[in-house]
Amino acid sequence: MKVIIPQEVINCISKIGNKTAQKNGYKIYTALTLMSKRQNKHKYFPVPSTYLEKINKRYKRTLNALQEAKIIKPYSRIEQHPQLLFESIEKKYYNVSRGICIKYKFLIDISKGIVEEIDFDNKRKYRWYSIIENSMAELGYEGKISRDTFGRRVHHPVIPIYKEDLKNKGYAIIDAKCSQPKLLLNIMKDKGIIDKRYKEAFQLDFYNYLVQNLELKDRQQAKDLFMYFLNSNGYVPNYKIHVLFPVASKFITNLKTKNYKDASSYLQREESKIWIDDLLENIPTDFALPIHDCLLVRDREVYEILDYCKSKYENIDFEISFL
């Protein structure tokens, strides 16, 4: 792809190792320019290390060189250190447990420079993208495959039409029962947070539990209420779901940080890590399409893939349905 390379970048990368190292350096720089399109009002943009590692395992060498040359700058916070008495230092800010990656911003104008052709194809680095692309082609569909920034969900042209177009044509869906409520339970468990009543709700069926205890009309209203519960950060007017699940409500409230728009974004990102970055990336088939929190597969392969999903995530209640 064609990329504008400022002279400062050329001077910097020319000092990085041999020709192979420099070639990889330009790939990392190209990745940064693409990610910079998602910059915030302060011009910082997220730079996931897992993404850069897929491009080149020694990506830190390029990042360090660009920082030393004052081409990029990491987002940092001022932290007080008692050992230094009254002194404070700047420290790069990121939080692995919360999924918050480090952010950078460019200190130079990257719109001016020499236009170069860089051998860079970020899509081919991910198996999940190739599987979606090939699966769509097999079905006779074409169109854009994208991934949003809110919850890292994948979007493609088959999602809105698969129920009608693929009905009775040999395909099945692998889904997760009460996906997001169960995901919230598992996240809290991993963090050592216990809400006994929230846990008990899954002994029946989470949405049916809400119907019974909050006098709702049906499961759909229960699903809508739970989404409201997430988006409103643990409190819903006129419905005492926060009283029903006080610990879970408090946990959702604490997710409201400047790094997440709301708890819904957080859960969608965690969900995407499971369904896209892990299951779809490593799935034992060459055909599969993600439909948010489920996978569309060939019906003749569904039980093999179901076993694979269960082996990786014993704490998720997977279920299948045939189109």
Foldseek 3Di string as FASTA:
>chain_A
DKFFDAPLLVVLLVPQDDPVSSLLLVQLVVVVVVQQVQADPVSKGFDDPVLSCLSPVVNVSSVVSCVVSQQKDKDWDWDDDVVVPGDIDTDFDADVLLPGGIIMGTPDDRVDHDIDDRPYDSQVSFLLSQLQQVQCVVVVHDDDWDADDQLRDIDDDCQVPCCPPCAPPFKKKKFFAVPLLLLLVVSCVVVVFDFPLSVVCVVVGVLVSCCVPQVDDDSVVSVVVVVVCFQVQQDDPPTVVCVSGVRSSVVQNVVPDPRHNGRVSSSSNVLCCLVRVPLSRDFPDSHWDDNRRMIMDGNVCVVVSVVVSCVVCVSTHIDMDHD
